[in-house]
Amino acid sequence: MLNYVGGHRADTPHDFFELALGAPVDLWLGVEGESEEERAARLDAACDIITDPEFYDLPARVIHHDPELFNVVALPRLPRRRPVRRRAAA
């Protein structure tokens, strides 16, 4: 089964986090072996994103506009149909 979020395919939990945050997960968590200068630049960019009113208010605006978007229900599974086997005429 394929999972799509907003038209983007999400295969792993990492993909879901990235789509939920709206930015790469590495921006928030960092990467192994980054220098202090790279870390400072990454954290500065993350702070800019978090403090941007457009970014921060987007989920609140979406929920306020259409709260039904977040009602999640499980869809029933349809029974499998068995193929019809036709016997050859004698």
N, C-alpha and C. Protein backbone atom coordinates (compact mmCIF):
# COMPACT_ATOMS: atom_id res chain seq x y z
N MET A 1 0.84 -1.17 0.00
CA MET A 1 0.00 0.00 0.00
C MET A 1 0.90 1.24 0.00
N LEU A 2 0.58 2.20 -0.82
CA LEU A 2 1.35 3.43 -0.90
C LEU A 2 0.68 4.52 -0.07
N ASN A 3 1.50 5.34 0.56
CA ASN A 3 0.99 6.44 1.38
C ASN A 3 1.33 7.76 0.71
N TYR A 4 0.33 8.59 0.55
CA TYR A 4 0.53 9.91 -0.02
C TYR A 4 0.03 10.97 0.95
N VAL A 5 0.83 12.00 1.13
CA VAL A 5 0.46 13.12 1.98
C VAL A 5 0.58 14.37 1.13
N GLY A 6 -0.54 15.02 0.86
CA GLY A 6 -0.52 16.24 0.06
C GLY A 6 0.10 16.05 -1.30
N GLY A 7 -0.10 14.90 -1.90
CA GLY A 7 0.44 14.64 -3.22
C GLY A 7 1.87 14.15 -3.22
N HIS A 8 2.48 14.01 -2.05
CA HIS A 8 3.86 13.53 -1.94
C HIS A 8 3.85 12.12 -1.37
N ARG A 9 4.65 11.26 -1.97
CA ARG A 9 4.72 9.88 -1.50
C ARG A 9 5.59 9.80 -0.24
N ALA A 10 5.07 9.14 0.79
CA ALA A 10 5.79 8.95 2.04
C ALA A 10 5.96 7.45 2.28
N ASP A 11 7.19 6.99 2.23
CA ASP A 11 7.46 5.56 2.38
C ASP A 11 7.94 5.19 3.78
N THR A 12 8.57 6.11 4.47
CA THR A 12 9.16 5.81 5.77
C THR A 12 8.67 6.81 6.81
N PRO A 13 8.83 6.51 8.09
CA PRO A 13 8.48 7.50 9.12
C PRO A 13 9.26 8.80 8.94
N HIS A 14 10.49 8.70 8.44
CA HIS A 14 11.30 9.89 8.17
C HIS A 14 10.59 10.80 7.16
N ASP A 15 10.00 10.20 6.13
CA ASP A 15 9.26 10.97 5.12
C ASP A 15 8.06 11.67 5.73
N PHE A 16 7.33 10.97 6.62
CA PHE A 16 6.17 11.58 7.26
C PHE A 16 6.58 12.76 8.13
N PHE A 17 7.68 12.62 8.87
CA PHE A 17 8.16 13.73 9.69
C PHE A 17 8.53 14.93 8.83
N GLU A 18 9.21 14.66 7.73
CA GLU A 18 9.63 15.74 6.85
C GLU A 18 8.41 16.48 6.26
N LEU A 19 7.40 15.73 5.86
CA LEU A 19 6.20 16.36 5.32
C LEU A 19 5.43 17.11 6.40
N ALA A 20 5.40 16.58 7.62
CA ALA A 20 4.70 17.25 8.71
C ALA A 20 5.40 18.54 9.12
N LEU A 21 6.74 18.52 9.14
CA LEU A 21 7.49 19.70 9.56
C LEU A 21 7.58 20.75 8.46
N GLY A 22 7.47 20.32 7.23
CA GLY A 22 7.59 21.25 6.11
C GLY A 22 9.02 21.62 5.80
N ALA A 23 9.96 20.92 6.38
CA ALA A 23 11.38 21.16 6.16
C ALA A 23 12.10 19.83 6.40
N PRO A 24 13.28 19.67 5.86
CA PRO A 24 14.02 18.43 6.08
C PRO A 24 14.28 18.17 7.56
N VAL A 25 14.18 16.91 7.97
CA VAL A 25 14.41 16.54 9.37
C VAL A 25 15.83 16.90 9.80
N ASP A 26 16.78 16.80 8.87
CA ASP A 26 18.17 17.12 9.20
C ASP A 26 18.34 18.57 9.64
N LEU A 27 17.46 19.45 9.19
CA LEU A 27 17.53 20.85 9.63
C LEU A 27 17.31 20.95 11.13
N TRP A 28 16.45 20.10 11.66
CA TRP A 28 16.14 20.16 13.09
C TRP A 28 17.09 19.31 13.92
N LEU A 29 17.48 18.15 13.39
CA LEU A 29 18.30 17.23 14.17
C LEU A 29 19.79 17.33 13.90
N GLY A 30 20.16 17.88 12.75
CA GLY A 30 21.57 17.96 12.39
C GLY A 30 22.04 16.70 11.70
N VAL A 31 23.26 16.75 11.25
CA VAL A 31 23.87 15.59 10.59
C VAL A 31 25.15 15.23 11.33
N GLU A 32 25.53 13.99 11.22
CA GLU A 32 26.72 13.51 11.91
C GLU A 32 27.96 14.16 11.29
N GLY A 33 28.85 14.63 12.14
CA GLY A 33 30.11 15.19 11.68
C GLY A 33 30.06 16.64 11.23
N GLU A 34 28.98 17.36 11.53
CA GLU A 34 28.93 18.76 11.12
C GLU A 34 29.81 19.62 12.03
N SER A 35 30.37 20.67 11.47
CA SER A 35 31.24 21.55 12.23
C SER A 35 30.39 22.49 13.08
N GLU A 36 31.04 23.18 13.99
CA GLU A 36 30.34 24.15 14.84
C GLU A 36 29.73 25.28 14.00
N GLU A 37 30.44 25.68 12.96
CA GLU A 37 29.95 26.73 12.08
C GLU A 37 28.69 26.27 11.32
N GLU A 38 28.73 25.03 10.83
CA GLU A 38 27.57 24.47 10.13
C GLU A 38 26.38 24.31 11.09
N ARG A 39 26.69 23.87 12.31
CA ARG A 39 25.64 23.71 13.32
C ARG A 39 24.99 25.05 13.64
N ALA A 40 25.80 26.09 13.82
CA ALA A 40 25.26 27.42 14.13
C ALA A 40 24.39 27.93 12.97
N ALA A 41 24.84 27.72 11.75
CA ALA A 41 24.05 28.16 10.58
C ALA A 41 22.74 27.38 10.49
N ARG A 42 22.79 26.09 10.75
CA ARG A 42 21.59 25.26 10.71
C ARG A 42 20.59 25.69 11.77
N LEU A 43 21.05 25.90 12.98
CA LEU A 43 20.15 26.34 14.06
C LEU A 43 19.59 27.73 13.79
N ASP A 44 20.38 28.60 13.19
CA ASP A 44 19.91 29.93 12.84
C ASP A 44 18.78 29.84 11.80
N ALA A 45 18.97 28.98 10.81
CA ALA A 45 17.93 28.79 9.79
C ALA A 45 16.67 28.19 10.41
N ALA A 46 16.83 27.22 11.30
CA ALA A 46 15.68 26.62 11.96
C ALA A 46 14.92 27.65 12.80
N CYS A 47 15.66 28.53 13.49
CA CYS A 47 15.01 29.58 14.28
C CYS A 47 14.25 30.55 13.39
N ASP A 48 14.81 30.88 12.24
CA ASP A 48 14.12 31.76 11.29
C ASP A 48 12.82 31.13 10.82
N ILE A 49 12.85 29.84 10.56
CA ILE A 49 11.65 29.15 10.10
C ILE A 49 10.59 29.12 11.19
N ILE A 50 11.00 28.80 12.41
CA ILE A 50 10.04 28.70 13.51
C ILE A 50 9.42 30.05 13.83
N THR A 51 10.18 31.11 13.76
CA THR A 51 9.66 32.42 14.12
C THR A 51 8.91 33.11 12.99
N ASP A 52 8.91 32.52 11.80
CA ASP A 52 8.17 33.09 10.68
C ASP A 52 6.67 32.89 10.93
N PRO A 53 5.89 33.98 11.01
CA PRO A 53 4.46 33.85 11.28
C PRO A 53 3.73 33.00 10.23
N GLU A 54 4.15 33.07 9.00
CA GLU A 54 3.51 32.28 7.95
C GLU A 54 3.66 30.78 8.24
N PHE A 55 4.84 30.37 8.67
CA PHE A 55 5.10 28.96 8.95
C PHE A 55 4.37 28.52 10.21
N TYR A 56 4.45 29.33 11.25
CA TYR A 56 3.91 28.95 12.55
C TYR A 56 2.38 28.88 12.54
N ASP A 57 1.74 29.78 11.85
CA ASP A 57 0.29 29.86 11.87
C ASP A 57 -0.40 28.95 10.85
N LEU A 58 0.35 28.35 9.96
CA LEU A 58 -0.28 27.54 8.92
C LEU A 58 -1.12 26.40 9.48
N PRO A 59 -0.61 25.56 10.39
CA PRO A 59 -1.47 24.49 10.91
C PRO A 59 -2.71 25.02 11.62
N ALA A 60 -2.55 26.10 12.37
CA ALA A 60 -3.71 26.68 13.06
C ALA A 60 -4.74 27.19 12.07
N ARG A 61 -4.28 27.81 10.98
CA ARG A 61 -5.21 28.31 9.97
C ARG A 61 -5.92 27.16 9.27
N VAL A 62 -5.21 26.09 8.99
CA VAL A 62 -5.83 24.95 8.32
C VAL A 62 -6.87 24.31 9.23
N ILE A 63 -6.53 24.10 10.50
CA ILE A 63 -7.46 23.48 11.44
C ILE A 63 -8.70 24.37 11.62
N HIS A 64 -8.49 25.67 11.72
CA HIS A 64 -9.61 26.59 11.90
C HIS A 64 -10.49 26.62 10.66
N HIS A 65 -9.88 26.57 9.49
CA HIS A 65 -10.63 26.65 8.23
C HIS A 65 -11.46 25.39 8.00
N ASP A 66 -10.89 24.22 8.23
CA ASP A 66 -11.59 22.97 7.96
C ASP A 66 -11.17 21.90 8.96
N PRO A 67 -11.79 21.87 10.15
CA PRO A 67 -11.39 20.88 11.15
C PRO A 67 -11.66 19.44 10.74
N GLU A 68 -12.56 19.24 9.78
CA GLU A 68 -12.86 17.88 9.33
C GLU A 68 -11.68 17.23 8.62
N LEU A 69 -10.70 18.02 8.17
CA LEU A 69 -9.52 17.44 7.51
C LEU A 69 -8.77 16.48 8.41
N PHE A 70 -8.87 16.68 9.72
CA PHE A 70 -8.08 15.88 10.65
C PHE A 70 -8.88 14.75 11.29
N ASN A 71 -10.11 14.53 10.84
CA ASN A 71 -10.87 13.37 11.29
C ASN A 71 -10.43 12.18 10.45
N VAL A 72 -9.81 11.22 11.09
CA VAL A 72 -9.26 10.06 10.39
C VAL A 72 -10.10 8.84 10.76
N VAL A 73 -10.51 8.11 9.75
CA VAL A 73 -11.28 6.88 9.98
C VAL A 73 -10.64 5.76 9.18
N ALA A 74 -10.76 4.56 9.70
CA ALA A 74 -10.24 3.39 8.99
C ALA A 74 -11.28 2.98 7.95
N LEU A 75 -10.83 2.74 6.76
CA LEU A 75 -11.73 2.29 5.70
C LEU A 75 -11.91 0.79 5.80
N PRO A 76 -13.13 0.31 5.58
CA PRO A 76 -13.34 -1.14 5.67
C PRO A 76 -12.64 -1.85 4.52
N ARG A 77 -12.18 -3.05 4.80
CA ARG A 77 -11.55 -3.85 3.76
C ARG A 77 -12.62 -4.61 3.01
N LEU A 78 -12.56 -4.54 1.72
CA LEU A 78 -13.51 -5.27 0.90
C LEU A 78 -13.08 -6.73 0.80
N PRO A 79 -14.05 -7.64 0.78
CA PRO A 79 -13.67 -9.06 0.64
C PRO A 79 -13.05 -9.31 -0.73
N ARG A 80 -12.12 -10.22 -0.76
CA ARG A 80 -11.47 -10.55 -2.04
C ARG A 80 -12.42 -11.35 -2.89
N ARG A 81 -12.42 -11.03 -4.15
CA ARG A 81 -13.25 -11.78 -5.08
C ARG A 81 -12.44 -12.92 -5.66
N ARG A 82 -13.04 -14.08 -5.72
CA ARG A 82 -12.37 -15.22 -6.32
C ARG A 82 -12.60 -15.19 -7.83
N PRO A 83 -11.58 -15.51 -8.57
CA PRO A 83 -11.76 -15.51 -10.04
C PRO A 83 -12.75 -16.60 -10.45
N VAL A 84 -13.53 -16.27 -11.45
CA VAL A 84 -14.51 -17.23 -11.98
C VAL A 84 -13.78 -18.17 -12.92
N ARG A 85 -13.87 -19.46 -12.64
CA ARG A 85 -13.22 -20.45 -13.50
C ARG A 85 -14.27 -21.07 -14.40
N ARG A 86 -14.01 -20.98 -15.64
CA ARG A 86 -14.96 -21.53 -16.61
C ARG A 86 -14.41 -22.86 -17.10
N ARG A 87 -15.30 -23.80 -17.19
CA ARG A 87 -14.90 -25.12 -17.68
C ARG A 87 -15.06 -25.16 -19.18
N ALA A 88 -14.17 -25.85 -19.79
CA ALA A 88 -14.22 -25.99 -21.26
C ALA A 88 -15.39 -26.88 -21.66
N ALA A 89 -15.99 -26.55 -22.78
CA ALA A 89 -17.10 -27.37 -23.28
C ALA A 89 -16.57 -28.70 -23.78
N ALA A 90 -17.32 -29.78 -23.58
CA ALA A 90 -16.87 -31.11 -23.97
C ALA A 90 -17.20 -31.43 -25.40
